[in-house]
Amino acid sequence: MIDSLHAVTRAVRTGVSDQSDRALMVYRRLVLKNFASFIRKGFPVCRRILGEQIFDSLIAAFVEQHRCQTPYFLEIGAEFIQFLSQRPDLLERLPGFVPELLAWEYVELELDVMDAVIPPPCEQEVDLLSSVPLLSPVCQLFVAQYPVHRLSTEYQPSMPEQPSYLVAYRDRSHRVRFLELNHLSACLFQQVQLERLTGADLADVLEQQTGAATASLVRPVIDQLAKWQKMDIIAGVRRA
């Protein structure tokens, strides 16, 4: 029985069967079509850059050679990324930015389907200086060596550039968006992630990291936090 199941799965993966079975080959085509459709939709930018032929060859290699560790269809994208990360022989034929681009596009998909709910906004004005800002449960900082948010068929740098700091997030209208940060605001975001520092404390920490006077950082820090709050990146506050 087990040998028969292995034979079936091998035939579905590779198209090679010990016996001619038209129904099995039809099933294989359906599996490939479903996998290919989902992966194409999940990585549209990478697909356009690489072209249909190359991208589809990666999908075929994935279906044929990778053993998925999850039964969930929505996690196929993560399995596809994992497969390629373990295949330097495939990656060496692709532009160097492909692994980061795939990871960036998957972050957008993850946030889009995540079950987490953003708490309703505060009805009263919030004192960000003396309160601890709390990030939305559907946001993520993404740091890349390539400008993954600007890659296209027209723009494909051959070498890494300055690091890109990107916050991907889903707002209360359920739209996935991203915000590009500079190095200082990325440091601020990382401190906010700890969810234990007030706005005043955050200015103190940035002063230690940058050497700037705390007094000169308080207003920019509070303004940045307020901006993130309006964008639904900060979902609420907690009393210190």
Protein backbone atom coordinates (compact mmCIF):
# COMPACT_ATOMS: atom_id res chain seq x y z
CA MET A 1 0.00 0.00 0.00
CA ILE A 2 2.75 2.44 1.01
CA ASP A 3 4.77 1.55 -2.08
CA SER A 4 1.71 2.26 -4.22
CA LEU A 5 1.21 5.66 -2.61
CA HIS A 6 4.88 6.51 -3.15
CA ALA A 7 4.55 5.51 -6.79
CA VAL A 8 1.52 7.75 -7.21
CA THR A 9 3.17 10.78 -5.57
CA ARG A 10 6.34 10.20 -7.64
CA ALA A 11 4.27 10.12 -10.81
CA VAL A 12 2.43 13.30 -9.84
CA ARG A 13 5.71 15.08 -9.07
CA THR A 14 7.78 13.91 -12.03
CA GLY A 15 5.33 12.70 -14.66
CA VAL A 16 7.20 9.37 -14.71
CA SER A 17 5.08 6.31 -13.98
CA ASP A 18 5.67 2.58 -14.11
CA GLN A 19 2.52 2.25 -16.13
CA SER A 20 0.56 4.43 -18.48
CA ASP A 21 -2.26 6.01 -16.49
CA ARG A 22 -4.12 8.76 -18.26
CA ALA A 23 -6.15 9.70 -15.18
CA LEU A 24 -2.96 10.11 -13.15
CA MET A 25 -1.42 12.39 -15.74
CA VAL A 26 -4.60 14.48 -15.82
CA TYR A 27 -4.38 14.77 -12.03
CA ARG A 28 -0.72 15.77 -12.31
CA ARG A 29 -1.59 18.57 -14.72
CA LEU A 30 -4.25 19.83 -12.30
CA VAL A 31 -1.76 19.81 -9.41
CA LEU A 32 0.83 21.70 -11.44
CA LYS A 33 -1.80 24.18 -12.61
CA ASN A 34 -2.98 24.89 -9.05
CA PHE A 35 0.53 25.24 -7.65
CA ALA A 36 1.65 27.40 -10.56
CA SER A 37 -1.41 29.65 -10.34
CA PHE A 38 -0.96 30.27 -6.63
CA ILE A 39 2.79 30.91 -6.82
CA ARG A 40 2.44 33.21 -9.84
CA LYS A 41 -0.15 35.29 -8.01
CA GLY A 42 1.99 35.42 -4.88
CA PHE A 43 5.14 36.69 -6.60
CA PRO A 44 3.98 38.89 -9.51
CA VAL A 45 6.99 41.22 -9.61
CA CYS A 46 9.52 38.40 -9.58
CA ARG A 47 7.55 36.58 -12.26
CA ARG A 48 7.53 39.62 -14.55
CA ILE A 49 11.25 40.23 -14.05
CA LEU A 50 12.33 36.63 -14.67
CA GLY A 51 9.81 35.96 -17.42
CA GLU A 52 7.22 33.21 -17.65
CA GLN A 53 9.55 30.50 -18.95
CA ILE A 54 12.19 30.81 -16.22
CA PHE A 55 9.65 31.32 -13.44
CA ASP A 56 7.59 28.32 -14.52
CA SER A 57 10.74 26.18 -14.64
CA LEU A 58 11.36 27.07 -10.98
CA ILE A 59 7.80 26.07 -10.12
CA ALA A 60 8.21 22.75 -11.96
CA ALA A 61 11.46 22.03 -10.07
CA PHE A 62 9.72 22.91 -6.80
CA VAL A 63 6.80 20.54 -7.42
CA GLU A 64 9.07 17.74 -8.60
CA GLN A 65 11.81 17.95 -5.97
CA HIS A 66 10.47 19.59 -2.79
CA ARG A 67 8.59 17.82 -0.01
CA CYS A 68 6.25 20.37 1.55
CA GLN A 69 6.14 20.41 5.35
CA THR A 70 2.73 22.06 5.60
CA PRO A 71 -0.77 21.01 4.53
CA TYR A 72 -1.89 24.64 4.20
CA PHE A 73 -2.16 25.99 0.70
CA LEU A 74 -1.50 29.58 1.83
CA GLU A 75 1.96 28.52 3.05
CA ILE A 76 3.09 27.18 -0.32
CA GLY A 77 4.83 30.51 -0.99
CA ALA A 78 7.03 30.05 2.09
CA GLU A 79 7.84 26.50 1.00
CA PHE A 80 8.78 27.80 -2.47
CA ILE A 81 11.16 30.33 -0.92
CA GLN A 82 12.67 27.67 1.35
CA PHE A 83 13.18 25.34 -1.61
CA LEU A 84 15.07 27.96 -3.61
CA SER A 85 17.19 28.94 -0.59
CA GLN A 86 18.44 25.36 -0.48
CA ARG A 87 19.23 25.25 -4.19
CA PRO A 88 22.29 27.40 -4.94
CA ASP A 89 22.51 25.69 -8.32
CA LEU A 90 19.22 27.37 -9.27
CA LEU A 91 19.88 30.70 -7.56
CA GLU A 92 23.24 31.20 -9.27
CA ARG A 93 21.40 31.48 -12.59
CA LEU A 94 19.12 34.22 -11.26
CA PRO A 95 19.70 37.90 -10.40
CA GLY A 96 21.16 38.36 -6.93
CA PHE A 97 18.11 40.22 -5.66
CA VAL A 98 15.67 37.35 -6.24
CA PRO A 99 15.78 35.84 -2.69
CA GLU A 100 15.05 39.22 -1.07
CA LEU A 101 12.38 40.07 -3.62
CA LEU A 102 10.59 36.77 -3.04
CA ALA A 103 10.73 37.29 0.73
CA TRP A 104 9.37 40.84 0.37
CA GLU A 105 6.47 39.76 -1.81
CA TYR A 106 5.64 36.96 0.62
CA VAL A 107 5.49 39.44 3.52
CA GLU A 108 2.76 41.31 1.64
CA LEU A 109 0.82 38.07 1.16
CA GLU A 110 1.23 37.10 4.83
CA LEU A 111 -0.14 40.42 6.04
CA ASP A 112 -3.05 40.25 3.62
CA VAL A 113 -4.30 36.89 4.93
CA MET A 114 -3.30 37.24 8.60
CA ASP A 115 -6.15 36.66 11.05
CA ALA A 116 -4.99 39.33 13.52
CA VAL A 117 -7.35 42.25 14.09
CA ILE A 118 -6.25 45.84 14.71
CA PRO A 119 -7.89 47.29 17.84
CA PRO A 120 -10.30 50.19 17.22
CA PRO A 121 -8.65 53.65 17.32
CA CYS A 122 -8.67 55.64 20.54
CA GLU A 123 -11.52 58.15 20.69
CA GLN A 124 -9.55 60.53 22.90
CA GLU A 125 -6.29 62.26 22.06
CA VAL A 126 -3.34 60.15 23.14
CA ASP A 127 -0.32 61.47 25.03
CA LEU A 128 2.47 59.77 23.12
CA LEU A 129 5.14 61.43 25.25
CA SER A 130 4.18 59.66 28.50
CA SER A 131 2.51 56.52 27.06
CA VAL A 132 3.96 53.36 25.56
CA PRO A 133 3.06 53.08 21.84
CA LEU A 134 1.89 49.65 20.70
CA LEU A 135 2.43 48.45 17.16
CA SER A 136 -0.30 46.96 15.02
CA PRO A 137 -0.28 43.15 15.01
CA VAL A 138 -0.23 43.29 11.20
CA CYS A 139 2.97 45.19 10.48
CA GLN A 140 6.54 44.08 9.95
CA LEU A 141 9.92 45.72 9.48
CA PHE A 142 11.78 44.39 6.45
CA VAL A 143 15.46 45.19 5.90
CA ALA A 144 16.94 44.41 2.48
CA GLN A 145 20.26 45.01 0.77
CA TYR A 146 18.47 45.53 -2.54
CA PRO A 147 15.71 48.12 -3.09
CA VAL A 148 13.04 45.42 -3.38
CA HIS A 149 10.20 47.96 -3.35
CA ARG A 150 11.53 49.57 -6.55
CA LEU A 151 12.54 46.52 -8.58
CA SER A 152 10.85 46.14 -11.95
CA THR A 153 11.50 44.98 -15.49
CA GLU A 154 13.17 48.36 -16.07
CA TYR A 155 15.14 48.60 -12.81
CA GLN A 156 17.32 45.65 -11.79
CA PRO A 157 20.55 46.62 -9.99
CA SER A 158 23.30 44.04 -10.34
CA MET A 159 24.83 44.80 -6.93
CA PRO A 160 23.39 45.58 -3.48
CA GLU A 161 22.90 49.25 -2.64
CA GLN A 162 22.37 51.04 0.66
CA PRO A 163 20.08 48.96 2.92
CA SER A 164 16.37 49.56 2.45
CA TYR A 165 14.25 49.80 5.60
CA LEU A 166 10.62 49.05 4.83
CA VAL A 167 7.56 48.67 7.02
CA ALA A 168 4.87 46.53 5.48
CA TYR A 169 1.51 46.88 7.19
CA ARG A 170 -2.22 46.37 6.80
CA ASP A 171 -4.44 49.30 7.71
CA ARG A 172 -7.94 49.25 9.18
CA SER A 173 -9.47 49.29 5.69
CA HIS A 174 -7.65 45.97 5.09
CA ARG A 175 -5.27 47.39 2.50
CA VAL A 176 -1.64 46.23 2.59
CA ARG A 177 0.76 49.13 2.25
CA PHE A 178 4.42 49.86 2.85
CA LEU A 179 6.44 52.76 4.17
CA GLU A 180 10.12 53.38 3.48
CA LEU A 181 12.13 54.46 6.54
CA ASN A 182 15.53 56.04 6.92
CA HIS A 183 18.11 54.56 9.29
CA LEU A 184 17.03 56.73 12.25
CA SER A 185 13.31 55.98 11.90
CA ALA A 186 14.15 52.27 11.49
CA CYS A 187 16.00 52.42 14.81
CA LEU A 188 12.94 54.09 16.34
CA PHE A 189 10.66 51.40 14.94
CA GLN A 190 12.85 48.64 16.39
CA GLN A 191 12.63 50.25 19.82
CA VAL A 192 8.85 50.63 19.53
CA GLN A 193 8.67 46.89 18.80
CA LEU A 194 9.83 46.24 22.37
CA GLU A 195 6.57 47.81 23.62
CA ARG A 196 8.05 49.01 26.90
CA LEU A 197 9.24 52.56 26.20
CA THR A 198 7.29 55.82 26.30
CA GLY A 199 7.79 58.52 23.70
CA ALA A 200 10.16 60.31 26.08
CA ASP A 201 12.10 57.08 26.69
CA LEU A 202 12.37 56.49 22.95
CA ALA A 203 13.95 59.94 22.48
CA ASP A 204 16.47 59.07 25.22
CA VAL A 205 17.39 55.79 23.51
CA LEU A 206 17.86 57.47 20.13
CA GLU A 207 20.03 60.10 21.81
CA GLN A 208 22.29 57.31 23.06
CA GLN A 209 22.42 55.72 19.62
CA THR A 210 23.00 58.89 17.59
CA GLY A 211 24.71 61.27 19.99
CA ALA A 212 22.12 63.99 19.30
CA ALA A 213 20.69 65.97 22.21
CA THR A 214 17.56 64.40 23.67
CA ALA A 215 15.74 67.74 23.63
CA SER A 216 16.23 68.00 19.87
CA LEU A 217 14.82 64.51 19.32
CA VAL A 218 11.64 64.67 21.41
CA ARG A 219 9.53 66.58 18.90
CA PRO A 220 10.65 64.55 15.83
CA VAL A 221 10.04 61.29 17.74
CA ILE A 222 6.54 62.33 18.84
CA ASP A 223 5.71 63.58 15.34
CA GLN A 224 6.87 60.28 13.84
CA LEU A 225 4.83 58.25 16.33
CA ALA A 226 1.76 60.37 15.59
CA LYS A 227 2.25 59.81 11.85
CA TRP A 228 2.49 56.06 12.37
CA GLN A 229 -0.64 56.18 14.51
CA LYS A 230 -2.61 57.86 11.72
CA MET A 231 -1.36 55.24 9.26
CA ASP A 232 -2.48 52.34 11.56
CA ILE A 233 1.10 51.22 12.11
CA ILE A 234 0.71 52.13 15.78
CA ALA A 235 -2.57 50.63 16.91
CA GLY A 236 -2.80 52.04 20.44
CA VAL A 237 -0.95 52.93 23.61
CA ARG A 238 -0.45 51.61 27.12
CA ARG A 239 0.02 53.65 30.25
CA ALA A 240 3.59 53.51 31.49
